[in-house]
C-alpha cells in the first residue's frame, strides 16, 4: 500500500493499483523531483540508497528529473555525472 505521505506526488496514477516494488522507479523519480522533505525522508528510509542512486543514474538524465533536481541529487548522493545515462528523446 502506498503511504499517504507520498500519495500527492503520484497524482497521475491509480494509487490502489501501484506497488512499492513494481513501481519503485516512478515513485523514486517523482519524489526526488517534486517531493517534500517528509516525502524524501520516507523515500530514503524505505528504499536503500544504492537503489535510489541506480534509478537516478539510469533515468535521471533521460528527462525523468528536471535539471535542478538532477544536479541536486547527484551532488547530495555523490554520483559522478559521467555515469548518468543521457539518452533524451
Protein backbone atom coordinates (compact mmCIF):
# COMPACT_ATOMS: atom_id res chain seq x y z
CA UNK A 1 0.00 0.00 0.00
CA UNK A 2 1.23 3.46 -0.90
CA UNK A 3 1.71 5.60 2.24
CA UNK A 4 -0.36 8.79 2.46
CA UNK A 5 2.79 10.89 2.78
CA UNK A 6 3.74 10.19 -0.85
CA UNK A 7 0.32 9.94 -2.49
CA UNK A 8 0.22 13.64 -3.54
CA UNK A 9 3.33 13.08 -5.66
CA UNK A 10 1.78 10.18 -7.55
CA UNK A 11 -1.35 12.04 -8.64
CA UNK A 12 -1.14 10.66 -12.20
CA UNK A 13 -1.66 7.04 -11.13
CA UNK A 14 -4.34 4.96 -9.52
CA UNK A 15 -2.77 4.64 -6.08
CA UNK A 16 -4.74 1.47 -5.37
CA UNK A 17 -3.03 -0.28 -8.31
CA UNK A 18 0.51 0.88 -7.53
CA UNK A 19 3.02 -1.40 -5.89
CA UNK A 20 6.00 -0.09 -3.89
CA UNK A 21 8.32 -2.60 -5.53
CA UNK A 22 6.98 -2.84 -9.08
CA UNK A 23 6.59 0.93 -9.40
CA UNK A 24 9.69 1.93 -7.47
CA UNK A 25 11.34 3.77 -10.38
CA UNK A 26 8.32 6.05 -10.85
CA UNK A 27 7.90 6.55 -7.10
CA UNK A 28 11.58 7.40 -6.59
CA UNK A 29 11.75 9.78 -9.55
CA UNK A 30 8.57 11.65 -8.65
CA UNK A 31 9.55 12.12 -5.04
CA UNK A 32 13.05 13.24 -5.94
CA UNK A 33 11.61 15.66 -8.49
CA UNK A 34 8.69 17.20 -6.61
CA UNK A 35 8.53 15.61 -3.16
CA UNK A 36 8.53 17.42 0.17
CA UNK A 37 11.17 16.96 2.87
CA UNK A 38 8.88 14.48 4.63
CA UNK A 39 8.40 12.54 1.40
CA UNK A 40 12.13 12.38 0.66
CA UNK A 41 12.81 11.34 4.27
CA UNK A 42 10.33 8.48 3.80
CA UNK A 43 11.94 7.58 0.46
CA UNK A 44 15.41 7.22 1.97
CA UNK A 45 14.06 5.14 4.85
CA UNK A 46 12.09 2.81 2.58
CA UNK A 47 14.45 2.30 -0.37
CA UNK A 48 18.17 1.55 0.01
CA UNK A 49 20.43 4.38 -1.13
CA UNK A 50 22.06 2.17 -3.78
CA UNK A 51 18.63 1.59 -5.41
CA UNK A 52 17.88 5.32 -5.43
CA UNK A 53 21.28 6.05 -6.97
CA UNK A 54 20.74 3.36 -9.61
CA UNK A 55 17.40 4.91 -10.60
CA UNK A 56 18.99 8.36 -10.87
CA UNK A 57 21.84 7.02 -13.00
CA UNK A 58 19.55 5.07 -15.31
CA UNK A 59 16.65 7.51 -15.69
CA UNK A 60 17.51 10.90 -14.19
CA UNK A 61 19.26 12.35 -17.24
CA UNK A 62 16.68 10.95 -19.66
CA UNK A 63 14.28 13.75 -18.82
CA UNK A 64 12.78 11.99 -15.82
CA UNK A 65 14.28 14.53 -13.41
CA UNK A 66 14.34 18.22 -14.14
CA UNK A 67 17.82 19.73 -14.39
CA UNK A 68 17.77 21.30 -10.91
CA UNK A 69 16.65 18.08 -9.24
CA UNK A 70 19.18 16.04 -11.20
CA UNK A 71 22.03 18.37 -10.23
CA UNK A 72 20.91 18.46 -6.59
CA UNK A 73 20.55 14.72 -6.11
CA UNK A 74 23.76 13.83 -7.98
CA UNK A 75 25.57 16.26 -5.67
CA UNK A 76 23.86 15.03 -2.48
CA UNK A 77 24.39 11.36 -3.32
CA UNK A 78 27.89 11.88 -4.74
CA UNK A 79 27.02 10.45 -8.15
CA UNK A 80 29.60 11.04 -10.87
CA UNK A 81 27.73 12.83 -13.68
CA UNK A 82 29.78 10.82 -16.19
CA UNK A 83 27.87 7.72 -15.07
CA UNK A 84 24.47 9.18 -15.96
CA UNK A 85 22.76 7.59 -18.93
CA UNK A 86 21.97 10.63 -21.03
CA UNK A 87 19.64 9.50 -23.77
CA UNK A 88 16.86 12.05 -24.24
CA UNK A 89 14.24 11.80 -26.95
